[in-house]
N, C-alpha and C. Protein backbone atom coordinates (compact mmCIF):
# COMPACT_ATOMS: atom_id res chain seq x y z
N MET A 1 42.31 102.10 54.97
CA MET A 1 41.58 103.52 56.09
C MET A 1 40.54 103.55 55.91
N GLY A 2 39.64 103.49 55.37
CA GLY A 2 38.50 103.56 55.28
C GLY A 2 37.77 101.89 56.27
N GLY A 3 38.00 100.88 55.66
CA GLY A 3 38.23 99.60 56.13
C GLY A 3 37.77 99.22 57.63
N THR A 4 39.56 99.55 57.79
CA THR A 4 39.53 100.38 59.50
C THR A 4 38.72 101.26 60.06
N ASN A 5 38.28 102.18 59.79
CA ASN A 5 37.69 103.30 60.53
C ASN A 5 36.18 102.37 60.60
N LEU A 6 35.47 101.54 59.42
CA LEU A 6 34.45 101.10 59.50
C LEU A 6 34.37 100.19 60.96
N LEU A 7 35.68 99.70 60.66
CA LEU A 7 35.46 98.23 61.95
C LEU A 7 35.71 99.18 63.45
N PHE A 8 36.54 99.59 63.33
CA PHE A 8 36.83 100.50 64.95
C PHE A 8 35.13 100.77 65.04
N THR A 9 35.01 101.96 64.15
CA THR A 9 33.29 102.51 64.56
C THR A 9 32.27 101.30 65.22
N MET A 10 32.26 99.92 64.47
CA MET A 10 31.11 99.44 64.64
C MET A 10 31.64 98.01 66.25
N ALA A 11 32.83 98.45 66.48
CA ALA A 11 33.62 97.63 67.29
C ALA A 11 32.81 98.44 68.96
N ALA A 12 33.12 100.04 68.59
CA ALA A 12 32.92 101.01 69.51
C ALA A 12 31.27 100.77 69.48
N LEU A 13 30.65 101.19 68.31
CA LEU A 13 28.59 101.05 68.54
C LEU A 13 28.78 99.46 69.54
N LEU A 14 29.17 98.58 68.98
CA LEU A 14 28.97 97.26 69.91
C LEU A 14 29.45 97.93 71.42
N ILE A 15 30.46 97.97 72.18
CA ILE A 15 31.10 98.36 73.45
C ILE A 15 29.59 99.29 74.26
N ILE A 16 29.92 100.41 73.52
CA ILE A 16 28.47 101.40 73.83
C ILE A 16 27.22 100.76 74.22
N ASP A 17 26.60 100.38 73.01
CA ASP A 17 25.51 99.30 73.76
C ASP A 17 25.47 98.11 74.66
N HIS A 18 26.64 97.27 75.43
CA HIS A 18 27.22 96.42 75.77
C HIS A 18 26.55 97.48 77.37
N PHE A 19 27.91 98.21 77.82
CA PHE A 19 28.44 99.27 78.56
C PHE A 19 27.32 100.07 78.93
N GLY A 20 26.78 100.52 78.33
CA GLY A 20 26.20 102.57 78.15
C GLY A 20 26.86 103.23 78.21
N ARG A 21 26.04 104.42 77.74
CA ARG A 21 27.03 105.49 77.47
C ARG A 21 27.53 106.26 78.91
N ARG A 22 26.48 106.10 79.75
CA ARG A 22 26.70 106.85 81.08
C ARG A 22 28.24 105.93 81.70
N ARG A 23 28.13 104.94 81.32
CA ARG A 23 28.84 104.28 81.83
C ARG A 23 30.61 104.10 81.38
N LEU A 24 30.52 104.33 80.48
CA LEU A 24 31.66 104.59 79.66
C LEU A 24 31.81 106.01 79.68
N MET A 25 30.97 107.24 79.50
CA MET A 25 31.82 108.34 79.99
C MET A 25 31.86 108.87 81.06
N LEU A 26 31.45 108.12 82.42
CA LEU A 26 32.44 108.05 83.67
C LEU A 26 33.19 107.79 83.20
N VAL A 27 34.01 106.58 82.90
CA VAL A 27 34.76 106.17 82.99
C VAL A 27 36.15 106.82 82.13
N GLY A 28 35.75 107.46 81.35
CA GLY A 28 36.26 108.31 80.36
C GLY A 28 36.60 109.09 80.96
N SER A 29 35.72 109.75 81.57
CA SER A 29 35.85 111.61 82.13
C SER A 29 37.33 111.23 82.99
N ILE A 30 37.22 110.35 84.31
CA ILE A 30 37.70 109.94 85.10
C ILE A 30 38.61 109.23 84.27
N GLY A 31 39.44 108.15 83.31
CA GLY A 31 40.87 108.18 82.76
C GLY A 31 41.32 109.83 82.45
N TYR A 32 40.33 110.97 81.71
CA TYR A 32 40.76 111.69 81.78
C TYR A 32 41.63 112.73 82.13
N ILE A 33 40.90 113.20 83.39
CA ILE A 33 40.93 113.59 84.82
C ILE A 33 42.41 113.30 84.82
N LEU A 34 42.44 112.21 85.26
CA LEU A 34 43.78 111.22 86.27
C LEU A 34 44.83 111.40 84.94
N SER A 35 44.76 111.29 83.43
CA SER A 35 45.69 111.61 82.79
C SER A 35 46.36 112.76 82.71
N LEU A 36 45.41 114.28 82.46
CA LEU A 36 45.93 115.30 82.40
C LEU A 36 46.38 116.24 84.00
N GLY A 37 45.50 115.25 85.20
CA GLY A 37 46.72 115.52 86.62
C GLY A 37 47.93 115.53 86.74
N SER A 38 47.97 114.02 86.19
CA SER A 38 49.59 113.59 85.99
C SER A 38 50.02 114.57 85.56
N THR A 39 49.86 115.18 83.79
CA THR A 39 50.45 115.86 83.09
C THR A 39 50.79 117.12 84.13
N ALA A 40 50.18 117.68 84.36
CA ALA A 40 50.11 119.24 85.36
C ALA A 40 51.16 118.97 86.51
N TRP A 41 51.06 117.83 87.23
CA TRP A 41 51.97 117.75 88.29
C TRP A 41 53.66 116.96 87.68
N ALA A 42 53.66 116.97 86.52
CA ALA A 42 55.01 116.48 86.38
C ALA A 42 55.43 117.55 85.52
N PHE A 43 54.66 118.06 85.08
CA PHE A 43 55.46 119.72 84.73
C PHE A 43 55.37 120.94 85.48
N TYR A 44 55.06 120.53 86.70
CA TYR A 44 55.15 121.31 87.81
C TYR A 44 56.02 121.09 88.51
N THR A 45 56.11 119.74 88.86
CA THR A 45 57.71 118.80 89.26
C THR A 45 58.71 119.33 88.37
N TYR A 46 58.74 118.87 86.86
CA TYR A 46 60.10 118.90 86.09
C TYR A 46 59.81 119.73 85.25
N GLY A 47 59.46 121.31 85.53
CA GLY A 47 59.01 121.86 84.00
C GLY A 47 60.57 122.48 84.13
N ASP A 48 61.60 122.27 84.41
CA ASP A 48 62.41 122.86 83.98
C ASP A 48 63.55 121.74 83.16
N ALA A 49 63.13 120.53 83.38
CA ALA A 49 63.93 119.77 83.02
C ALA A 49 63.28 119.77 81.31
N PHE A 50 61.61 119.53 81.38
CA PHE A 50 60.90 119.18 80.28
C PHE A 50 61.31 120.47 79.32
N ALA A 51 61.48 121.25 79.80
CA ALA A 51 62.20 122.73 78.76
C ALA A 51 62.83 122.77 77.82
N ALA A 52 64.41 121.86 79.01
CA ALA A 52 65.46 121.59 78.61
C ALA A 52 65.51 120.79 77.01
N VAL A 53 64.68 120.05 77.34
CA VAL A 53 64.78 118.57 76.53
C VAL A 53 64.01 119.31 75.73
N VAL A 54 62.61 120.28 74.79
CA VAL A 54 62.17 120.57 74.18
C VAL A 54 62.80 121.70 73.29
N LYS A 55 64.04 121.98 74.35
CA LYS A 55 64.86 123.45 73.78
C LYS A 55 65.88 122.79 72.65
N ALA A 56 66.46 121.24 73.37
CA ALA A 56 67.43 120.96 72.70
C ALA A 56 67.32 119.96 71.66
N THR A 57 65.96 119.60 71.72
CA THR A 57 65.57 118.84 70.98
C THR A 57 64.73 119.54 69.60
N THR A 58 64.38 120.61 69.56
CA THR A 58 63.40 121.53 68.52
C THR A 58 64.10 121.76 67.88
N PRO A 59 64.15 121.77 66.10
CA PRO A 59 64.94 122.50 65.58
C PRO A 59 65.23 124.01 64.71
N GLY A 60 65.29 124.28 65.92
CA GLY A 60 65.31 126.30 65.57
C GLY A 60 63.67 126.66 65.75
N ARG A 61 62.47 125.71 66.36
CA ARG A 61 61.34 126.59 66.24
C ARG A 61 60.40 126.08 66.79
N ARG A 62 59.32 126.19 67.42
CA ARG A 62 58.69 125.34 68.54
C ARG A 62 57.34 124.25 67.49
N PHE A 63 57.19 123.45 68.30
CA PHE A 63 55.89 122.41 67.32
C PHE A 63 54.88 123.49 67.47
N ARG A 64 54.15 123.48 66.66
CA ARG A 64 52.49 123.76 66.08
C ARG A 64 51.52 123.01 66.89
N GLY A 65 50.26 123.34 66.68
CA GLY A 65 48.93 122.67 67.17
C GLY A 65 49.07 120.73 66.73
N ARG A 66 48.78 121.09 65.29
CA ARG A 66 48.85 120.15 64.17
C ARG A 66 50.10 118.83 64.60
N HIS A 67 50.99 119.58 65.13
CA HIS A 67 51.96 118.56 66.15
C HIS A 67 51.74 117.91 67.36
N ARG A 68 50.18 117.49 68.16
CA ARG A 68 49.85 117.56 69.10
C ARG A 68 49.42 116.03 69.16
N ARG A 69 49.41 115.18 70.13
CA ARG A 69 49.07 114.25 70.30
C ARG A 69 47.83 113.62 71.36
N ARG A 70 46.69 113.79 71.02
CA ARG A 70 45.68 113.38 72.48
C ARG A 70 45.85 112.48 73.15
N SER A 71 45.36 112.31 74.50
CA SER A 71 45.62 110.86 75.04
C SER A 71 44.18 110.04 74.72
N PRO A 72 44.38 108.37 74.96
CA PRO A 72 43.67 107.84 74.61
C PRO A 72 41.89 108.09 75.66
N GLN A 73 42.01 108.83 76.56
CA GLN A 73 41.42 109.21 77.68
C GLN A 73 40.43 110.25 76.86
N TYR A 74 41.47 111.06 76.33
CA TYR A 74 40.22 112.67 75.58
C TYR A 74 39.93 112.14 74.27
N ARG A 75 40.23 111.06 73.48
CA ARG A 75 39.48 110.58 72.55
C ARG A 75 38.89 109.76 72.78
N ARG A 76 38.85 109.18 73.35
CA ARG A 76 37.74 108.14 73.71
C ARG A 76 36.35 109.10 74.74
N ALA A 77 36.25 110.04 75.11
CA ALA A 77 35.82 111.12 75.97
C ALA A 77 35.04 111.22 74.83
N VAL A 78 35.85 112.43 73.63
CA VAL A 78 35.28 112.73 73.01
C VAL A 78 34.53 112.28 72.17
N GLY A 79 34.72 111.39 71.52
CA GLY A 79 33.86 110.10 71.33
C GLY A 79 32.69 110.08 71.28
N LEU A 80 32.76 109.48 73.03
CA LEU A 80 31.53 109.56 73.06
C LEU A 80 30.40 110.52 73.59
N LEU A 81 31.06 111.52 73.07
CA LEU A 81 30.27 112.88 73.04
C LEU A 81 29.75 113.00 72.15
N VAL A 82 30.75 112.44 70.83
CA VAL A 82 29.83 113.14 69.62
C VAL A 82 28.58 111.36 69.50
N PHE A 83 28.44 110.34 69.78
CA PHE A 83 27.23 109.29 69.99
C PHE A 83 26.53 110.70 70.87
N ILE A 84 26.73 111.40 71.73
CA ILE A 84 25.26 111.55 72.83
C ILE A 84 25.21 112.08 72.14
N ALA A 85 25.35 113.11 71.53
CA ALA A 85 24.97 114.56 71.02
C ALA A 85 23.92 114.46 69.71
N PHE A 86 24.82 112.94 68.55
CA PHE A 86 23.74 112.12 67.42
C PHE A 86 22.77 111.75 68.36
N ALA A 87 23.12 110.80 69.90
CA ALA A 87 21.19 110.48 69.93
C ALA A 87 20.62 111.69 70.37
N ARG A 88 21.24 112.84 70.82
CA ARG A 88 20.47 113.89 71.09
C ARG A 88 19.55 114.25 70.14
N LEU A 89 20.22 114.60 68.67
CA LEU A 89 20.05 114.85 67.64
C LEU A 89 18.59 113.77 67.24
N ARG A 90 18.84 112.82 67.45
CA ARG A 90 17.65 111.56 66.22
C ARG A 90 17.63 111.03 67.56
N PRO A 91 16.79 111.34 68.50
CA PRO A 91 16.09 110.50 69.44
C PRO A 91 15.91 109.07 68.96
N GLY A 92 14.82 108.71 68.19
CA GLY A 92 14.56 107.29 67.35
C GLY A 92 15.74 106.50 67.05
N ALA A 93 16.64 106.96 66.46
CA ALA A 93 17.65 105.86 64.90
C ALA A 93 18.20 105.17 65.64
């Protein structure tokens, strides 16, 4: 698990160095907005069907927060924010 994290962290650093933080942040934010917008539209349009499926498949209680899955756009945008915050804290690093 640690090796996988290290490998993908290094890959992310190379991608950030190649494309730049600003461009990746813009692309990640646009993907995040589109993802949330389409989810909001789907719940607004088909809300009753979603409620019926959740009620039929949830065994007696609602899901709690630890069961939520984040979209790749959300994780990408938040990951970039962490790198930007770190760069602000250590400008010479």
